[in-house]
Amino acid sequence: MLLMLSILLVACGSSESGSKKEDKKTEESTKKSKKKKKSKKDKKSKDKDKDQSDEVDETDETEEETKKEKETEAKKQKSNSKSERPMTLESYTAIDNEKCSITINSIEEDKWSGGYDINVLLENKSADVNYNFTLEAAVVNGVQVDPSLYSNVLAGKKANAKIGIRDLTDYGITECTDIELFFKVVDSDNFGAEDILNEAIHVYPYGQESATQFTREAEAADKVLVDNEYVTITYIGNTHDDIYGYVLNTYVVNKTDKDLSIRADSFSIDSYMADASYYVDIKAGKSTFAKMYWNDCIIKQIGVDISNIKNIEGTIKVRDGAYKQLSSDAVTITP
């Protein structure tokens, strides 16, 4: 009996000791698990904080870039916005001879086109010859533009007319400080007769002392197509509109003291022949912005995608006033 009790006590003690050891192992395992979980949690928290920090940095960089882009655009818009300085032009007689007279009355902004209208008085002093008053060209701050003036004035009569000057703010000309007008007067009933008048005058809307000359700054995307002793022709980008179609914009400088004619010849687009329209008649020593273009019907006919044109090739020819060829240059454009 005593022997059995002793065996039982030993067994119980051994079981209790094993149980305590198990409990201790379980407790240690639980602590390790908790510690491990806490470590993972801390790591996740750190990773999350790092990600958030990276996101904040990226957001800050994006916001800074956007801010810079907006500032650049704002500066560009400001530089290309029209001057609000009041014009001081007063009426004066620019040309007066025994055959005709031309009076510059005023200049005003054309609210519809954004350009300017110069109001003029045209007088035909002839007793029996009807006159046609036109402009061969107009030059604003040294940049030649296409003006609008076509007025028939009967013998002994006068006419009020407007000379239209287009908006040039897109090119960076915000003030028309020096407007040169090339007048031509002919017999409206006999265009083969000798010119009655062929003369240039200057109009200074802010006074002659405020006259300035335009200088275009080169841009990274520019490509010089022709640069010889006669002209410099620079490709400055392409556009598309409903009037001209597909357009290559160029900036042309006449380096000579002669009037020049510039034409495009034998052009192709992505290996398909396509005649280009490029008619530049430029006065001596002047510059101009000129379009080389293909009407939509031509683009459709050759079947190219204007959003994916890769190569344009052709020849640009320069001639003098007598139409004698001065230069011929092969050009390649990759829009």
C-alpha atoms as a PDB file:
ATOM      1  CA  MET A   1       0.000   0.000   0.000  1.00  0.00           C
ATOM      2  CA  LEU A   2       2.690   2.456   0.978  1.00  0.00           C
ATOM      3  CA  LEU A   3       4.608   1.421  -2.102  1.00  0.00           C
ATOM      4  CA  MET A   4       1.679   2.279  -4.378  1.00  0.00           C
ATOM      5  CA  LEU A   5       1.216   5.728  -2.738  1.00  0.00           C
ATOM      6  CA  SER A   6       4.874   6.498  -3.285  1.00  0.00           C
ATOM      7  CA  ILE A   7       4.635   5.571  -6.968  1.00  0.00           C
ATOM      8  CA  LEU A   8       1.564   7.780  -7.408  1.00  0.00           C
ATOM      9  CA  LEU A   9       3.242  10.771  -5.714  1.00  0.00           C
ATOM     10  CA  VAL A  10       6.310  10.431  -7.921  1.00  0.00           C
ATOM     11  CA  ALA A  11       4.117  10.184 -11.060  1.00  0.00           C
ATOM     12  CA  CYS A  12       2.086  13.256 -10.052  1.00  0.00           C
ATOM     13  CA  GLY A  13       5.233  15.233  -9.351  1.00  0.00           C
ATOM     14  CA  SER A  14       6.731  14.234 -12.625  1.00  0.00           C
ATOM     15  CA  SER A  15       3.492  15.188 -14.474  1.00  0.00           C
ATOM     16  CA  GLU A  16       3.299  18.551 -12.713  1.00  0.00           C
ATOM     17  CA  SER A  17       6.926  19.268 -13.527  1.00  0.00           C
ATOM     18  CA  GLY A  18       6.333  18.351 -17.194  1.00  0.00           C
ATOM     19  CA  SER A  19       3.241  20.519 -17.221  1.00  0.00           C
ATOM     20  CA  LYS A  20       5.203  23.463 -15.782  1.00  0.00           C
ATOM     21  CA  LYS A  21       7.925  22.928 -18.368  1.00  0.00           C
ATOM     22  CA  GLU A  22       5.270  22.891 -21.137  1.00  0.00           C
ATOM     23  CA  ASP A  23       3.655  26.026 -19.738  1.00  0.00           C
ATOM     24  CA  LYS A  24       7.060  27.716 -19.634  1.00  0.00           C
ATOM     25  CA  LYS A  25       7.818  26.667 -23.238  1.00  0.00           C
ATOM     26  CA  THR A  26       4.372  27.883 -24.347  1.00  0.00           C
ATOM     27  CA  GLU A  27       4.880  31.167 -22.508  1.00  0.00           C
ATOM     28  CA  GLU A  28       8.327  31.639 -24.075  1.00  0.00           C
ATOM     29  CA  SER A  29       6.937  30.750 -27.517  1.00  0.00           C
ATOM     30  CA  THR A  30       4.101  33.256 -27.065  1.00  0.00           C
ATOM     31  CA  LYS A  31       6.569  35.948 -26.025  1.00  0.00           C
ATOM     32  CA  LYS A  32       8.770  35.235 -29.049  1.00  0.00           C
ATOM     33  CA  SER A  33       5.720  35.271 -31.321  1.00  0.00           C
ATOM     34  CA  LYS A  34       4.579  38.594 -29.876  1.00  0.00           C
ATOM     35  CA  LYS A  35       8.070  39.998 -30.190  1.00  0.00           C
ATOM     36  CA  LYS A  36       8.262  38.781 -33.789  1.00  0.00           C
ATOM     37  CA  LYS A  37       4.868  40.250 -34.625  1.00  0.00           C
ATOM     38  CA  LYS A  38       5.832  43.503 -32.977  1.00  0.00           C
ATOM     39  CA  SER A  39       9.081  43.555 -35.000  1.00  0.00           C
ATOM     40  CA  LYS A  40       7.152  42.936 -38.235  1.00  0.00           C
ATOM     41  CA  LYS A  41       4.630  45.594 -37.267  1.00  0.00           C
ATOM     42  CA  ASP A  42       7.401  48.071 -36.534  1.00  0.00           C
ATOM     43  CA  LYS A  43       9.034  47.248 -39.857  1.00  0.00           C
ATOM     44  CA  LYS A  44       5.749  47.653 -41.721  1.00  0.00           C
ATOM     45  CA  SER A  45       5.198  50.943 -39.950  1.00  0.00           C
ATOM     46  CA  LYS A  46       8.676  52.106 -40.925  1.00  0.00           C
ATOM     47  CA  ASP A  47       8.147  50.983 -44.542  1.00  0.00           C
ATOM     48  CA  LYS A  48       4.795  52.772 -44.611  1.00  0.00           C
ATOM     49  CA  ASP A  49       6.355  55.924 -43.217  1.00  0.00           C
ATOM     50  CA  LYS A  50       9.122  55.665 -45.829  1.00  0.00           C
ATOM     51  CA  ASP A  51       6.591  55.163 -48.645  1.00  0.00           C
ATOM     52  CA  GLN A  52       4.573  58.122 -47.427  1.00  0.00           C
ATOM     53  CA  SER A  53       7.746  60.179 -47.229  1.00  0.00           C
ATOM     54  CA  ASP A  54       8.670  59.158 -50.812  1.00  0.00           C
ATOM     55  CA  GLU A  55       5.141  60.019 -51.972  1.00  0.00           C
ATOM     56  CA  VAL A  56       5.402  63.424 -50.314  1.00  0.00           C
ATOM     57  CA  ASP A  57       8.782  63.997 -51.996  1.00  0.00           C
ATOM     58  CA  GLU A  58       7.370  62.968 -55.388  1.00  0.00           C
ATOM     59  CA  THR A  59       4.304  65.169 -54.848  1.00  0.00           C
ATOM     60  CA  ASP A  60       6.513  68.099 -53.906  1.00  0.00           C
ATOM     61  CA  GLU A  61       8.641  67.566 -57.039  1.00  0.00           C
ATOM     62  CA  THR A  62       5.527  67.334 -59.258  1.00  0.00           C
ATOM     63  CA  GLU A  63       4.046  70.463 -57.707  1.00  0.00           C
ATOM     64  CA  GLU A  64       7.353  72.294 -58.179  1.00  0.00           C
ATOM     65  CA  GLU A  65       7.539  71.243 -61.844  1.00  0.00           C
ATOM     66  CA  THR A  66       3.907  72.291 -62.422  1.00  0.00           C
ATOM     67  CA  LYS A  67       4.604  75.614 -60.742  1.00  0.00           C
ATOM     68  CA  LYS A  68       7.645  76.218 -62.970  1.00  0.00           C
ATOM     69  CA  GLU A  69       5.650  75.287 -66.103  1.00  0.00           C
ATOM     70  CA  LYS A  70       2.878  77.709 -65.123  1.00  0.00           C
ATOM     71  CA  GLU A  71       5.397  80.468 -64.453  1.00  0.00           C
ATOM     72  CA  THR A  72       7.070  79.860 -67.842  1.00  0.00           C
ATOM     73  CA  GLU A  73       3.709  79.911 -69.626  1.00  0.00           C
ATOM     74  CA  ALA A  74       2.680  83.065 -67.752  1.00  0.00           C
ATOM     75  CA  LYS A  75       5.928  84.783 -68.771  1.00  0.00           C
ATOM     76  CA  LYS A  76       5.393  83.692 -72.385  1.00  0.00           C
ATOM     77  CA  GLN A  77       1.825  84.988 -72.404  1.00  0.00           C
ATOM     78  CA  LYS A  78       2.941  88.227 -70.816  1.00  0.00           C
ATOM     79  CA  SER A  79       5.724  88.689 -73.365  1.00  0.00           C
ATOM     80  CA  ASN A  80       3.262  87.974 -76.204  1.00  0.00           C
ATOM     81  CA  SER A  81       0.509  90.245 -74.933  1.00  0.00           C
ATOM     82  CA  LYS A  82      -0.193  93.559 -76.605  1.00  0.00           C
ATOM     83  CA  SER A  83       1.244  96.703 -75.158  1.00  0.00           C
ATOM     84  CA  GLU A  84      -1.209  98.997 -73.404  1.00  0.00           C
ATOM     85  CA  ARG A  85       0.946 102.057 -74.068  1.00  0.00           C
ATOM     86  CA  PRO A  86      -1.178 104.750 -75.794  1.00  0.00           C
ATOM     87  CA  MET A  87      -0.264 105.623 -79.381  1.00  0.00           C
ATOM     88  CA  THR A  88       0.671 109.214 -80.105  1.00  0.00           C
ATOM     89  CA  LEU A  89       0.199 109.272 -83.888  1.00  0.00           C
ATOM     90  CA  GLU A  90      -1.214 112.530 -85.272  1.00  0.00           C
ATOM     91  CA  SER A  91      -2.643 113.106 -88.741  1.00  0.00           C
ATOM     92  CA  TYR A  92      -0.077 114.148 -91.348  1.00  0.00           C
ATOM     93  CA  THR A  93       0.382 114.210 -95.129  1.00  0.00           C
ATOM     94  CA  ALA A  94       2.873 111.500 -96.052  1.00  0.00           C
ATOM     95  CA  ILE A  95       2.921 111.964 -99.854  1.00  0.00           C
ATOM     96  CA  ASP A  96       1.866 115.039-101.829  1.00  0.00           C
ATOM     97  CA  ASN A  97       2.734 115.693-105.478  1.00  0.00           C
ATOM     98  CA  GLU A  98       1.019 116.987-108.609  1.00  0.00           C
ATOM     99  CA  LYS A  99      -0.615 113.622-109.302  1.00  0.00           C
ATOM    100  CA  CYS A 100      -1.829 112.371-105.913  1.00  0.00           C
ATOM    101  CA  SER A 101      -1.609 112.696-102.137  1.00  0.00           C
ATOM    102  CA  ILE A 102      -1.761 110.258 -99.240  1.00  0.00           C
ATOM    103  CA  THR A 103      -2.612 111.371 -95.707  1.00  0.00           C
ATOM    104  CA  ILE A 104      -2.157 109.171 -92.633  1.00  0.00           C
ATOM    105  CA  ASN A 105      -5.038 110.065 -90.338  1.00  0.00           C
ATOM    106  CA  SER A 106      -4.932 107.611 -87.423  1.00  0.00           C
ATOM    107  CA  ILE A 107      -4.279 104.054 -86.298  1.00  0.00           C
ATOM    108  CA  GLU A 108      -6.626 101.878 -84.251  1.00  0.00           C
ATOM    109  CA  GLU A 109      -6.876  98.292 -83.073  1.00  0.00           C
ATOM    110  CA  ASP A 110      -9.120  95.993 -85.095  1.00  0.00           C
ATOM    111  CA  LYS A 111     -11.233  94.314 -82.398  1.00  0.00           C
ATOM    112  CA  TRP A 112     -12.257  91.507 -84.755  1.00  0.00           C
ATOM    113  CA  SER A 113      -8.829  90.434 -86.062  1.00  0.00           C
ATOM    114  CA  GLY A 114      -6.624  91.620 -83.208  1.00  0.00           C
ATOM    115  CA  GLY A 115      -4.458  93.518 -85.693  1.00  0.00           C
ATOM    116  CA  TYR A 116      -4.456  97.217 -86.552  1.00  0.00           C
ATOM    117  CA  ASP A 117      -6.192  99.482 -89.053  1.00  0.00           C
ATOM    118  CA  ILE A 118      -4.398 102.553 -90.388  1.00  0.00           C
ATOM    119  CA  ASN A 119      -6.931 105.114 -91.584  1.00  0.00           C
ATOM    120  CA  VAL A 120      -5.765 106.979 -94.693  1.00  0.00           C
ATOM    121  CA  LEU A 121      -7.085 109.619 -97.071  1.00  0.00           C
ATOM    122  CA  LEU A 122      -6.284 108.978-100.751  1.00  0.00           C
ATOM    123  CA  GLU A 123      -6.554 111.784-103.312  1.00  0.00           C
ATOM    124  CA  ASN A 124      -6.493 111.538-107.091  1.00  0.00           C
ATOM    125  CA  LYS A 125      -5.449 114.932-108.482  1.00  0.00           C
ATOM    126  CA  SER A 126      -5.702 113.899-112.125  1.00  0.00           C
ATOM    127  CA  ALA A 127      -8.384 115.490-114.268  1.00  0.00           C
ATOM    128  CA  ASP A 128      -8.971 112.458-116.490  1.00  0.00           C
ATOM    129  CA  VAL A 129      -7.143 109.327-115.206  1.00  0.00           C
ATOM    130  CA  ASN A 130      -8.666 106.929-112.675  1.00  0.00           C
ATOM    131  CA  TYR A 131      -6.242 105.573-110.085  1.00  0.00           C
ATOM    132  CA  ASN A 132      -5.815 102.308-108.255  1.00  0.00           C
ATOM    133  CA  PHE A 133      -4.084 102.631-104.849  1.00  0.00           C
ATOM    134  CA  THR A 134      -2.459  99.460-103.456  1.00  0.00           C
ATOM    135  CA  LEU A 135       0.378  98.345-101.186  1.00  0.00           C
ATOM    136  CA  GLU A 136       3.143  96.066-102.433  1.00  0.00           C
ATOM    137  CA  ALA A 137       4.133  95.280 -98.864  1.00  0.00           C
ATOM    138  CA  ALA A 138       4.090  96.465 -95.291  1.00  0.00           C
ATOM    139  CA  VAL A 139       6.919  96.017 -92.806  1.00  0.00           C
ATOM    140  CA  VAL A 140       6.393  96.136 -89.036  1.00  0.00           C
ATOM    141  CA  ASN A 141       9.554  96.608 -86.940  1.00  0.00           C
ATOM    142  CA  GLY A 142      11.531  95.090 -89.812  1.00  0.00           C
ATOM    143  CA  VAL A 143       9.186  92.108 -90.317  1.00  0.00           C
ATOM    144  CA  GLN A 144       7.355  92.044 -93.632  1.00  0.00           C
ATOM    145  CA  VAL A 145       3.614  91.283 -93.555  1.00  0.00           C
ATOM    146  CA  ASP A 146       0.822  91.115 -96.112  1.00  0.00           C
ATOM    147  CA  PRO A 147      -1.261  94.290 -95.803  1.00  0.00           C
ATOM    148  CA  SER A 148      -4.729  94.859 -97.189  1.00  0.00           C
ATOM    149  CA  LEU A 149      -5.356  97.925 -99.363  1.00  0.00           C
ATOM    150  CA  TYR A 150      -7.079  98.066-102.718  1.00  0.00           C
ATOM    151  CA  SER A 151      -8.884 101.286-103.536  1.00  0.00           C
ATOM    152  CA  ASN A 152     -10.052 102.686-106.871  1.00  0.00           C
ATOM    153  CA  VAL A 153     -10.302 106.488-106.870  1.00  0.00           C
ATOM    154  CA  LEU A 154     -11.832 108.262-109.843  1.00  0.00           C
ATOM    155  CA  ALA A 155     -10.190 111.277-111.455  1.00  0.00           C
ATOM    156  CA  GLY A 156     -10.437 114.378-109.256  1.00  0.00           C
ATOM    157  CA  LYS A 157     -11.882 112.431-106.296  1.00  0.00           C
ATOM    158  CA  LYS A 158     -10.835 111.416-102.777  1.00  0.00           C
ATOM    159  CA  ALA A 159     -11.437 108.257-100.758  1.00  0.00           C
ATOM    160  CA  ASN A 160     -11.117 107.223 -97.129  1.00  0.00           C
ATOM    161  CA  ALA A 161      -9.576 103.770 -96.774  1.00  0.00           C
ATOM    162  CA  LYS A 162      -8.178 101.387 -94.168  1.00  0.00           C
ATOM    163  CA  ILE A 163      -4.853  99.581 -94.304  1.00  0.00           C
ATOM    164  CA  GLY A 164      -5.110  96.301 -92.398  1.00  0.00           C
ATOM    165  CA  ILE A 165      -2.063  95.078 -90.454  1.00  0.00           C
ATOM    166  CA  ARG A 166      -2.414  91.590 -88.999  1.00  0.00           C
ATOM    167  CA  ASP A 167      -1.808  90.641 -85.377  1.00  0.00           C
ATOM    168  CA  LEU A 168       1.848  89.758 -84.755  1.00  0.00           C
ATOM    169  CA  THR A 169       1.799  89.042 -81.011  1.00  0.00           C
ATOM    170  CA  ASP A 170       2.255  85.289 -81.631  1.00  0.00           C
ATOM    171  CA  TYR A 171       5.692  86.137 -83.001  1.00  0.00           C
ATOM    172  CA  GLY A 172       6.578  88.338 -80.028  1.00  0.00           C
ATOM    173  CA  ILE A 173       5.824  91.733 -81.623  1.00  0.00           C
ATOM    174  CA  THR A 174       3.652  93.459 -79.034  1.00  0.00           C
ATOM    175  CA  GLU A 175       4.071  97.037 -80.295  1.00  0.00           C
ATOM    176  CA  CYS A 176       4.062  98.303 -83.886  1.00  0.00           C
ATOM    177  CA  THR A 177       6.668 101.010 -83.404  1.00  0.00           C
ATOM    178  CA  ASP A 178       7.809 101.368 -87.031  1.00  0.00           C
ATOM    179  CA  ILE A 179       5.429 100.598 -89.905  1.00  0.00           C
ATOM    180  CA  GLU A 180       6.885 100.926 -93.402  1.00  0.00           C
ATOM    181  CA  LEU A 181       4.309 101.061 -96.214  1.00  0.00           C
ATOM    182  CA  PHE A 182       5.237 100.450 -99.870  1.00  0.00           C
ATOM    183  CA  PHE A 183       2.585 102.329-101.866  1.00  0.00           C
ATOM    184  CA  LYS A 184       1.889 101.697-105.526  1.00  0.00           C
ATOM    185  CA  VAL A 185      -0.514 103.795-107.620  1.00  0.00           C
ATOM    186  CA  VAL A 186      -1.392 102.843-111.208  1.00  0.00           C
ATOM    187  CA  ASP A 187      -3.827 103.779-113.946  1.00  0.00           C
ATOM    188  CA  SER A 188      -6.832 101.581-113.114  1.00  0.00           C
ATOM    189  CA  ASP A 189      -7.890 101.511-116.784  1.00  0.00           C
ATOM    190  CA  ASN A 190      -4.429 100.692-118.147  1.00  0.00           C
ATOM    191  CA  PHE A 191      -2.313  98.423-115.928  1.00  0.00           C
ATOM    192  CA  GLY A 192       0.399  98.296-118.601  1.00  0.00           C
ATOM    193  CA  ALA A 193       1.089 101.993-118.209  1.00  0.00           C
ATOM    194  CA  GLU A 194       3.972 103.367-116.188  1.00  0.00           C
ATOM    195  CA  ASP A 195       3.411 103.492-112.426  1.00  0.00           C
ATOM    196  CA  ILE A 196       2.012 106.782-111.219  1.00  0.00           C
ATOM    197  CA  LEU A 197       3.602 106.293-107.801  1.00  0.00           C
ATOM    198  CA  ASN A 198       5.951 103.736-106.281  1.00  0.00           C
ATOM    199  CA  GLU A 199       7.123 105.008-102.902  1.00  0.00           C
ATOM    200  CA  ALA A 200       7.675 103.829 -99.326  1.00  0.00           C
ATOM    201  CA  ILE A 201       6.814 105.830 -96.207  1.00  0.00           C
ATOM    202  CA  HIS A 202       7.203 105.221 -92.456  1.00  0.00           C
ATOM    203  CA  VAL A 203       4.474 105.486 -89.845  1.00  0.00           C
ATOM    204  CA  TYR A 204       5.591 105.797 -86.205  1.00  0.00           C
ATOM    205  CA  PRO A 205       2.589 105.150 -83.910  1.00  0.00           C
ATOM    206  CA  TYR A 206       4.611 106.034 -80.758  1.00  0.00           C
ATOM    207  CA  GLY A 207       6.908 108.614 -82.360  1.00  0.00           C
ATOM    208  CA  GLN A 208      10.056 108.107 -84.413  1.00  0.00           C
ATOM    209  CA  GLU A 209      12.255 108.098 -81.307  1.00  0.00           C
ATOM    210  CA  SER A 210      10.444 104.929 -80.098  1.00  0.00           C
ATOM    211  CA  ALA A 211      11.065 102.923 -83.290  1.00  0.00           C
ATOM    212  CA  THR A 212      12.520  99.444 -82.708  1.00  0.00           C
ATOM    213  CA  GLN A 213      13.595  96.521 -84.907  1.00  0.00           C
ATOM    214  CA  PHE A 214      12.491  92.932 -84.267  1.00  0.00           C
ATOM    215  CA  THR A 215      15.109  90.287 -83.499  1.00  0.00           C
ATOM    216  CA  ARG A 216      13.970  86.673 -83.288  1.00  0.00           C
ATOM    217  CA  GLU A 217      15.707  84.522 -80.700  1.00  0.00           C
ATOM    218  CA  ALA A 218      16.638  81.022 -81.873  1.00  0.00           C
ATOM    219  CA  GLU A 219      14.821  78.107 -80.231  1.00  0.00           C
ATOM    220  CA  ALA A 220      15.948  74.543 -79.552  1.00  0.00           C
ATOM    221  CA  ALA A 221      13.511  73.044 -82.084  1.00  0.00           C
ATOM    222  CA  ASP A 222      14.623  75.323 -84.952  1.00  0.00           C
ATOM    223  CA  LYS A 223      16.244  73.837 -88.033  1.00  0.00           C
ATOM    224  CA  VAL A 224      18.119  76.007 -90.529  1.00  0.00           C
ATOM    225  CA  LEU A 225      17.126  74.882 -94.024  1.00  0.00           C
ATOM    226  CA  VAL A 226      19.042  77.403 -96.130  1.00  0.00           C
ATOM    227  CA  ASP A 227      21.867  79.711 -95.083  1.00  0.00           C
ATOM    228  CA  ASN A 228      23.826  81.348 -97.906  1.00  0.00           C
ATOM    229  CA  GLU A 229      24.903  84.829 -98.956  1.00  0.00           C
ATOM    230  CA  TYR A 230      21.336  85.720 -99.963  1.00  0.00           C
ATOM    231  CA  VAL A 231      18.953  84.322 -97.336  1.00  0.00           C
ATOM    232  CA  THR A 232      18.601  82.389 -94.119  1.00  0.00           C
ATOM    233  CA  ILE A 233      15.490  80.198 -93.982  1.00  0.00           C
ATOM    234  CA  THR A 234      14.669  78.478 -90.694  1.00  0.00           C
ATOM    235  CA  TYR A 235      12.019  75.827 -90.072  1.00  0.00           C
ATOM    236  CA  ILE A 236      10.281  76.743 -86.789  1.00  0.00           C
ATOM    237  CA  GLY A 237       7.517  74.136 -86.477  1.00  0.00           C
ATOM    238  CA  ASN A 238       4.420  72.702 -88.151  1.00  0.00           C
ATOM    239  CA  THR A 239       0.701  73.317 -87.732  1.00  0.00           C
ATOM    240  CA  HIS A 240      -2.593  72.405 -89.349  1.00  0.00           C
ATOM    241  CA  ASP A 241      -5.600  74.607 -90.037  1.00  0.00           C
ATOM    242  CA  ASP A 242      -8.767  74.598 -92.115  1.00  0.00           C
ATOM    243  CA  ILE A 243      -7.532  77.269 -94.526  1.00  0.00           C
ATOM    244  CA  TYR A 244      -4.022  76.150 -95.510  1.00  0.00           C
ATOM    245  CA  GLY A 245      -4.059  72.493 -94.499  1.00  0.00           C
ATOM    246  CA  TYR A 246      -0.707  71.036 -93.394  1.00  0.00           C
ATOM    247  CA  VAL A 247       1.744  73.889 -92.734  1.00  0.00           C
ATOM    248  CA  LEU A 248       5.502  74.138 -92.233  1.00  0.00           C
ATOM    249  CA  ASN A 249       6.246  77.497 -90.598  1.00  0.00           C
ATOM    250  CA  THR A 250       9.470  79.255 -91.597  1.00  0.00           C
ATOM    251  CA  TYR A 251      11.331  82.420 -90.691  1.00  0.00           C
ATOM    252  CA  VAL A 252      13.077  84.077 -93.641  1.00  0.00           C
ATOM    253  CA  VAL A 253      15.786  86.757 -93.592  1.00  0.00           C
ATOM    254  CA  ASN A 254      16.801  88.616 -96.759  1.00  0.00           C
ATOM    255  CA  LYS A 255      20.517  89.416 -96.346  1.00  0.00           C
ATOM    256  CA  THR A 256      20.772  91.445 -99.559  1.00  0.00           C
ATOM    257  CA  ASP A 257      19.946  94.949-100.733  1.00  0.00           C
ATOM    258  CA  LYS A 258      17.650  93.504-103.410  1.00  0.00           C
ATOM    259  CA  ASP A 259      14.051  92.334-103.424  1.00  0.00           C
ATOM    260  CA  LEU A 260      13.956  88.525-103.623  1.00  0.00           C
ATOM    261  CA  SER A 261      11.481  85.827-104.671  1.00  0.00           C
ATOM    262  CA  ILE A 262      11.634  82.429-102.952  1.00  0.00           C
ATOM    263  CA  ARG A 263       9.836  79.324-104.208  1.00  0.00           C
ATOM    264  CA  ALA A 264       9.551  75.596-103.423  1.00  0.00           C
ATOM    265  CA  ASP A 265      10.292  73.007-106.088  1.00  0.00           C
ATOM    266  CA  SER A 266       9.927  69.192-106.398  1.00  0.00           C
ATOM    267  CA  PHE A 267       8.791  68.421-102.863  1.00  0.00           C
ATOM    268  CA  SER A 268       7.821  65.007-101.519  1.00  0.00           C
ATOM    269  CA  ILE A 269       6.226  63.820 -98.276  1.00  0.00           C
ATOM    270  CA  ASP A 270       7.278  60.366 -97.035  1.00  0.00           C
ATOM    271  CA  SER A 271       8.475  59.524-100.576  1.00  0.00           C
ATOM    272  CA  TYR A 272       5.208  60.651-102.256  1.00  0.00           C
ATOM    273  CA  MET A 273       5.516  63.612-104.633  1.00  0.00           C
ATOM    274  CA  ALA A 274       3.460  66.546-103.349  1.00  0.00           C
ATOM    275  CA  ASP A 275       3.721  70.079-104.741  1.00  0.00           C
ATOM    276  CA  ALA A 276       4.292  72.591-101.943  1.00  0.00           C
ATOM    277  CA  SER A 277       2.846  76.101-101.917  1.00  0.00           C
ATOM    278  CA  TYR A 278       5.603  78.485-100.878  1.00  0.00           C
ATOM    279  CA  TYR A 279       5.496  81.992-102.319  1.00  0.00           C
ATOM    280  CA  VAL A 280       7.769  84.448-100.563  1.00  0.00           C
ATOM    281  CA  ASP A 281       8.435  87.874-102.079  1.00  0.00           C
ATOM    282  CA  ILE A 282      10.583  89.752 -99.595  1.00  0.00           C
ATOM    283  CA  LYS A 283      11.912  93.296 -99.623  1.00  0.00           C
ATOM    284  CA  ALA A 284      15.625  94.056 -99.372  1.00  0.00           C
ATOM    285  CA  GLY A 285      17.051  93.677 -95.872  1.00  0.00           C
ATOM    286  CA  LYS A 286      13.768  92.529 -94.338  1.00  0.00           C
ATOM    287  CA  SER A 287      12.595  89.377 -92.569  1.00  0.00           C
ATOM    288  CA  THR A 288       9.264  87.590 -92.660  1.00  0.00           C
ATOM    289  CA  PHE A 289       7.330  84.621 -91.269  1.00  0.00           C
ATOM    290  CA  ALA A 290       6.203  82.451 -94.182  1.00  0.00           C
ATOM    291  CA  LYS A 291       4.095  79.308 -94.571  1.00  0.00           C
ATOM    292  CA  MET A 292       4.943  76.345 -96.760  1.00  0.00           C
ATOM    293  CA  TYR A 293       1.750  74.344 -97.044  1.00  0.00           C
ATOM    294  CA  TRP A 294      -0.164  71.486 -98.635  1.00  0.00           C
ATOM    295  CA  ASN A 295      -3.951  71.657 -98.866  1.00  0.00           C
ATOM    296  CA  ASP A 296      -5.901  68.836 -97.238  1.00  0.00           C
ATOM    297  CA  CYS A 297      -6.932  67.505-100.659  1.00  0.00           C
ATOM    298  CA  ILE A 298      -3.252  66.949-101.564  1.00  0.00           C
ATOM    299  CA  ILE A 299      -2.550  65.187 -98.274  1.00  0.00           C
ATOM    300  CA  LYS A 300      -5.619  63.001 -98.800  1.00  0.00           C
ATOM    301  CA  GLN A 301      -4.581  62.218-102.362  1.00  0.00           C
ATOM    302  CA  ILE A 302      -1.137  60.905-101.391  1.00  0.00           C
ATOM    303  CA  GLY A 303      -2.617  59.041 -98.413  1.00  0.00           C
ATOM    304  CA  VAL A 304      -0.272  60.074 -95.600  1.00  0.00           C
ATOM    305  CA  ASP A 305      -1.166  60.569 -91.956  1.00  0.00           C
ATOM    306  CA  ILE A 306      -0.369  64.194 -91.027  1.00  0.00           C
ATOM    307  CA  SER A 307       0.108  63.195 -87.391  1.00  0.00           C
ATOM    308  CA  ASN A 308       2.867  60.783 -88.384  1.00  0.00           C
ATOM    309  CA  ILE A 309       4.812  62.451 -91.221  1.00  0.00           C
ATOM    310  CA  LYS A 310       8.442  61.400 -90.980  1.00  0.00           C
ATOM    311  CA  ASN A 311      10.265  63.006 -93.887  1.00  0.00           C
ATOM    312  CA  ILE A 312       9.779  65.973 -96.235  1.00  0.00           C
ATOM    313  CA  GLU A 313      12.264  66.658 -99.029  1.00  0.00           C
ATOM    314  CA  GLY A 314      12.545  69.221-101.794  1.00  0.00           C
ATOM    315  CA  THR A 315      14.395  72.211-103.214  1.00  0.00           C
ATOM    316  CA  ILE A 316      14.146  75.878-102.287  1.00  0.00           C
ATOM    317  CA  LYS A 317      15.092  78.351-105.030  1.00  0.00           C
ATOM    318  CA  VAL A 318      15.944  82.034-104.615  1.00  0.00           C
ATOM    319  CA  ARG A 319      15.610  84.567-107.453  1.00  0.00           C
ATOM    320  CA  ASP A 320      16.133  88.320-107.711  1.00  0.00           C
ATOM    321  CA  GLY A 321      13.649  90.951-108.888  1.00  0.00           C
ATOM    322  CA  ALA A 322      14.420  90.150-112.530  1.00  0.00           C
ATOM    323  CA  TYR A 323      13.687  86.488-111.728  1.00  0.00           C
ATOM    324  CA  LYS A 324      17.305  85.468-112.210  1.00  0.00           C
ATOM    325  CA  GLN A 325      18.093  82.388-110.102  1.00  0.00           C
ATOM    326  CA  LEU A 326      20.593  83.115-107.350  1.00  0.00           C
ATOM    327  CA  SER A 327      20.589  79.830-105.391  1.00  0.00           C
ATOM    328  CA  SER A 328      19.033  76.366-105.269  1.00  0.00           C
ATOM    329  CA  ASP A 329      19.244  74.320-102.070  1.00  0.00           C
ATOM    330  CA  ALA A 330      18.071  70.772-101.346  1.00  0.00           C
ATOM    331  CA  VAL A 331      16.366  70.587 -97.973  1.00  0.00           C
ATOM    332  CA  THR A 332      15.147  67.814 -95.684  1.00  0.00           C
ATOM    333  CA  ILE A 333      12.649  68.339 -92.874  1.00  0.00           C
ATOM    334  CA  THR A 334      11.687  65.797 -90.201  1.00  0.00           C
ATOM    335  CA  PRO A 335       8.627  67.312 -88.469  1.00  0.00           C
END
